[in-house]
């Protein structure tokens, strides 16, 4: 599964007023893990910043003067996101701007949704945390994601933070490889039954230390919190406590 975490920075809040994209930052996830193959471009906007927009991003027209225009990176950008699941926080904002940039170049480029699938983490967060603040900073605090290095908005920086937020927001049984629940709500057989190691020829069992048991308990509590109170580990049949045996010579 290929996912792209995307964020843009712009000269203002509304593309309908002629504001433009000045930065695109993308982080690629393969099977929910960063691949290191990111996409990051600063863009020359050919328009002024709205009041306050420069203070948010720290970008200036002077810095962007020698950067490419969107038309110079569009083919590379579309090739990068093509066929992926693109994850954006408050997707309507970024998609509106990117669709506007594509429209400036001609109808043959279509819209963002013609090249990829778009997932909005703001909509996901509103379902998960109804009635609460669900800004990126608020989600970082709630989900334990470190964003102390975020002093200004930046396309790549915010995409990297959003990647951590998305993983935390969607973490659960699938994060450690569990299969889906059956229709009756029970775990699949491979999870429900205790693991039988009798055919492995083992002569001794290694018992967990108290510290390992404590860490395991904390992990299960996090899984319960992230999955709405349920955890497949709670359904696993617990075998009798093992008896430590000496390894045979």
Protein backbone atom coordinates (compact mmCIF):
# COMPACT_ATOMS: atom_id res chain seq x y z
CA UNK A 1 0.00 0.00 0.00
CA UNK A 2 1.45 3.34 -1.09
CA UNK A 3 0.34 6.46 0.76
CA UNK A 4 1.44 10.06 0.33
CA UNK A 5 1.13 12.53 3.21
CA UNK A 6 0.76 15.96 1.60
CA UNK A 7 0.80 19.56 2.76
CA UNK A 8 0.95 22.87 0.90
CA UNK A 9 1.78 26.44 1.86
CA UNK A 10 0.15 29.31 0.01
CA UNK A 11 0.22 33.10 -0.39
CA UNK A 12 -3.18 33.42 1.29
CA UNK A 13 -6.28 31.62 2.44
CA UNK A 14 -8.38 31.54 -0.75
CA UNK A 15 -7.39 30.38 -4.22
CA UNK A 16 -10.49 32.14 -5.60
CA UNK A 17 -8.82 35.46 -4.77
CA UNK A 18 -5.81 34.60 -6.90
CA UNK A 19 -3.60 33.19 -4.17
CA UNK A 20 -1.04 30.59 -5.24
CA UNK A 21 0.83 27.58 -3.89
CA UNK A 22 4.38 28.40 -2.74
CA UNK A 23 5.41 25.06 -1.25
CA UNK A 24 4.46 21.40 -1.68
CA UNK A 25 5.73 18.85 0.83
CA UNK A 26 5.04 15.11 0.56
CA UNK A 27 6.11 12.10 2.62
CA UNK A 28 5.76 8.64 1.11
CA UNK A 29 4.61 5.71 3.25
CA UNK A 30 4.93 2.14 2.04
CA UNK A 31 2.93 -0.28 4.19
CA UNK A 32 2.55 2.57 6.72
CA UNK A 33 6.30 3.11 7.04
CA UNK A 34 8.27 6.11 5.71
CA UNK A 35 10.18 5.10 2.59
CA UNK A 36 12.49 8.13 2.56
CA UNK A 37 11.30 8.98 -0.97
CA UNK A 38 9.79 12.40 -0.31
CA UNK A 39 8.76 15.20 -2.66
CA UNK A 40 9.49 18.81 -1.69
CA UNK A 41 9.41 21.90 -3.88
CA UNK A 42 9.30 25.64 -3.26
CA UNK A 43 7.43 27.51 -5.98
CA UNK A 44 7.52 31.05 -7.34
CA UNK A 45 3.94 32.35 -7.02
CA UNK A 46 3.93 35.39 -9.36
CA UNK A 47 1.69 37.22 -6.90
CA UNK A 48 2.00 38.99 -3.55
CA UNK A 49 1.49 37.39 -0.16
CA UNK A 50 -1.65 38.33 1.73
CA UNK A 51 -1.12 40.14 5.01
CA UNK A 52 -0.02 37.64 7.66
CA UNK A 53 0.73 34.78 5.27
CA UNK A 54 4.48 35.43 5.28
CA UNK A 55 4.57 35.40 9.07
CA UNK A 56 2.93 31.98 9.12
CA UNK A 57 5.36 30.35 6.69
CA UNK A 58 8.49 32.49 7.02
CA UNK A 59 8.73 32.52 3.21
CA UNK A 60 9.36 35.68 1.20
CA UNK A 61 9.09 36.67 -2.45
CA UNK A 62 12.84 37.27 -2.44
CA UNK A 63 13.51 33.69 -1.35
CA UNK A 64 11.07 32.32 -3.94
CA UNK A 65 12.23 34.52 -6.83
CA UNK A 66 14.55 31.89 -8.33
CA UNK A 67 12.31 28.89 -7.62
CA UNK A 68 10.37 27.10 -10.41
CA UNK A 69 6.76 27.84 -11.21
CA UNK A 70 4.13 25.16 -10.70
CA UNK A 71 4.09 24.53 -14.45
CA UNK A 72 7.74 23.43 -14.23
CA UNK A 73 7.11 20.73 -11.61
CA UNK A 74 3.58 19.60 -12.47
CA UNK A 75 4.60 16.51 -14.45
CA UNK A 76 6.99 15.35 -11.73
CA UNK A 77 4.41 16.01 -9.03
CA UNK A 78 1.61 14.14 -10.79
CA UNK A 79 3.89 11.19 -11.51
CA UNK A 80 4.82 11.09 -7.83
CA UNK A 81 1.23 10.98 -6.51
CA UNK A 82 -0.31 8.93 -9.33
CA UNK A 83 -2.28 5.95 -8.07
CA UNK A 84 -1.47 6.63 -4.41
CA UNK A 85 -3.71 7.28 -1.44
CA UNK A 86 -3.00 10.94 -0.67
CA UNK A 87 -3.60 11.93 2.96
CA UNK A 88 -4.17 15.61 3.77
CA UNK A 89 -5.31 17.47 6.88
CA UNK A 90 -8.24 19.72 5.95
CA UNK A 91 -8.07 18.37 2.41
CA UNK A 92 -10.55 20.88 0.96
CA UNK A 93 -7.99 23.66 1.41
CA UNK A 94 -5.02 21.95 -0.27
CA UNK A 95 -7.10 20.25 -2.95
CA UNK A 96 -8.76 23.55 -3.84
CA UNK A 97 -5.39 25.22 -4.36
CA UNK A 98 -3.88 22.30 -6.29
CA UNK A 99 -6.95 22.00 -8.51
CA UNK A 100 -6.66 25.71 -9.18
CA UNK A 101 -3.00 25.35 -10.14
CA UNK A 102 -3.85 22.46 -12.47
CA UNK A 103 -6.72 24.41 -14.06
CA UNK A 104 -4.35 27.28 -14.89
CA UNK A 105 -2.35 24.88 -17.06
CA UNK A 106 -5.26 23.49 -19.05
CA UNK A 107 -8.15 21.06 -18.80
CA UNK A 108 -5.98 18.14 -19.90
CA UNK A 109 -4.45 17.97 -16.39
CA UNK A 110 -7.84 17.38 -14.80
CA UNK A 111 -8.14 17.57 -11.04
CA UNK A 112 -6.14 16.07 -8.20
CA UNK A 113 -8.76 13.35 -7.67
CA UNK A 114 -8.21 12.21 -11.27
CA UNK A 115 -4.68 11.12 -10.33
CA UNK A 116 -5.07 9.73 -6.80
CA UNK A 117 -7.42 8.98 -3.93
CA UNK A 118 -7.71 11.72 -1.30
CA UNK A 119 -8.20 11.01 2.43
CA UNK A 120 -8.94 13.87 4.86
CA UNK A 121 -7.50 13.35 8.36
CA UNK A 122 -9.54 16.30 9.66
CA UNK A 123 -12.75 14.42 8.80
CA UNK A 124 -11.31 11.28 10.42
CA UNK A 125 -10.40 13.20 13.57
CA UNK A 126 -13.86 14.76 13.83
CA UNK A 127 -15.39 11.29 13.85
CA UNK A 128 -12.85 10.02 16.39
CA UNK A 129 -12.94 13.13 18.63
CA UNK A 130 -16.33 14.81 18.13
CA UNK A 131 -16.73 18.27 19.60
CA UNK A 132 -13.01 18.72 20.22
CA UNK A 133 -10.35 20.84 18.57
CA UNK A 134 -8.82 18.83 15.76
CA UNK A 135 -6.14 21.10 14.38
CA UNK A 136 -2.80 19.48 13.63
CA UNK A 137 -1.31 20.94 16.83
CA UNK A 138 -4.28 19.77 18.90
CA UNK A 139 -3.97 16.24 17.50
CA UNK A 140 -0.25 16.22 18.26
CA UNK A 141 -0.98 16.98 21.91
CA UNK A 142 -3.81 14.45 22.11
CA UNK A 143 -1.96 11.63 20.36
CA UNK A 144 1.46 12.22 21.88
CA UNK A 145 3.20 13.34 18.67
CA UNK A 146 6.22 15.59 19.22
CA UNK A 147 5.85 18.88 17.32
CA UNK A 148 8.05 21.07 19.50
CA UNK A 149 10.26 21.79 16.47
CA UNK A 150 7.32 23.34 14.59
CA UNK A 151 7.78 27.08 14.96
CA UNK A 152 6.54 27.99 11.48
CA UNK A 153 4.25 26.27 9.00
CA UNK A 154 6.20 24.39 6.34
CA UNK A 155 5.02 22.00 3.66
CA UNK A 156 7.52 19.19 4.27
CA UNK A 157 7.71 19.69 8.04
CA UNK A 158 3.92 19.62 8.41
CA UNK A 159 3.70 16.56 6.15
CA UNK A 160 6.24 14.76 8.36
CA UNK A 161 4.26 15.67 11.48
CA UNK A 162 0.99 14.66 9.83
CA UNK A 163 2.50 11.29 8.94
CA UNK A 164 3.10 10.65 12.66
CA UNK A 165 -0.39 11.91 13.51
CA UNK A 166 -1.98 9.68 10.85
CA UNK A 167 -0.17 6.58 12.09
CA UNK A 168 -1.20 7.37 15.68
CA UNK A 169 -4.77 8.21 14.61
CA UNK A 170 -5.21 4.93 12.75
CA UNK A 171 -3.01 2.63 14.83
CA UNK A 172 -4.64 -0.49 16.18
CA UNK A 173 -4.67 -4.19 15.49
CA UNK A 174 -3.35 -3.77 11.94
CA UNK A 175 -0.22 -2.02 13.26
CA UNK A 176 1.04 -5.32 14.71
CA UNK A 177 -0.22 -7.55 11.93
CA UNK A 178 -3.53 -8.83 13.28
CA UNK A 179 -6.16 -9.90 10.77
CA UNK A 180 -9.69 -8.55 10.54
CA UNK A 181 -12.44 -9.44 12.99
CA UNK A 182 -15.00 -11.99 11.87
CA UNK A 183 -18.63 -10.98 11.41
CA UNK A 184 -19.52 -12.27 14.88
CA UNK A 185 -16.89 -10.01 16.44
CA UNK A 186 -14.47 -12.72 17.42
CA UNK A 187 -10.86 -12.82 16.40
CA UNK A 188 -9.70 -15.14 13.66
CA UNK A 189 -8.57 -18.56 14.75
CA UNK A 190 -4.89 -17.81 14.28
CA UNK A 191 -5.17 -15.12 16.92
CA UNK A 192 -7.67 -16.68 19.29
CA UNK A 193 -5.81 -19.89 20.08
CA UNK A 194 -2.68 -20.05 22.17
CA UNK A 195 0.48 -20.65 20.16
CA UNK A 196 1.60 -24.28 20.27
CA UNK A 197 5.39 -24.55 20.31
CA UNK A 198 5.50 -28.27 21.14
CA UNK A 199 6.71 -29.20 17.69
CA UNK A 200 9.64 -26.82 17.67
CA UNK A 201 11.88 -28.99 19.83
CA UNK A 202 12.33 -26.31 22.49
CA UNK A 203 13.87 -27.45 25.78
CA UNK A 204 13.26 -24.31 27.80
CA UNK A 205 10.86 -21.38 27.94
CA UNK A 206 12.00 -17.82 28.44
CA UNK A 207 9.73 -15.98 30.84
CA UNK A 208 9.17 -12.22 30.49
CA UNK A 209 10.73 -9.97 33.05
CA UNK A 210 8.53 -7.74 35.25
CA UNK A 211 9.67 -4.76 33.17
CA UNK A 212 8.66 -6.49 29.93
CA UNK A 213 5.25 -7.36 31.38
CA UNK A 214 4.76 -3.75 32.40
CA UNK A 215 5.73 -2.50 28.92
CA UNK A 216 3.34 -5.03 27.38
CA UNK A 217 0.50 -3.81 29.59
CA UNK A 218 1.19 -0.19 28.58
CA UNK A 219 1.15 -1.18 24.92
CA UNK A 220 -2.20 -2.95 25.26
CA UNK A 221 -3.67 0.07 27.01
CA UNK A 222 -2.55 2.28 24.12
CA UNK A 223 -4.12 -0.12 21.60
CA UNK A 224 -7.39 -0.08 23.56
CA UNK A 225 -7.37 3.72 23.61
CA UNK A 226 -6.63 4.00 19.89
CA UNK A 227 -9.25 1.42 18.86
CA UNK A 228 -12.14 2.64 20.99
CA UNK A 229 -11.70 0.34 23.95
CA UNK A 230 -11.22 -3.02 22.25
CA UNK A 231 -8.04 -4.97 21.72
CA UNK A 232 -7.64 -8.36 20.07
CA UNK A 233 -5.07 -9.38 22.68
CA UNK A 234 -7.93 -9.39 25.20
CA UNK A 235 -9.55 -12.21 23.21
CA UNK A 236 -6.48 -14.43 23.14
CA UNK A 237 -6.87 -17.51 25.30
CA UNK A 238 -4.22 -17.32 27.98
CA UNK A 239 -2.42 -20.63 28.55
CA UNK A 240 -1.35 -21.75 32.02
CA UNK A 241 1.72 -20.00 33.33
CA UNK A 242 4.80 -21.78 31.97
CA UNK A 243 7.14 -23.64 34.29
CA UNK A 244 10.81 -22.82 33.81
CA UNK A 245 12.73 -25.90 32.71
CA UNK A 246 16.42 -26.50 32.49
CA UNK A 247 17.72 -27.00 28.97
CA UNK A 248 18.85 -30.54 28.35
CA UNK A 249 22.50 -31.14 27.65
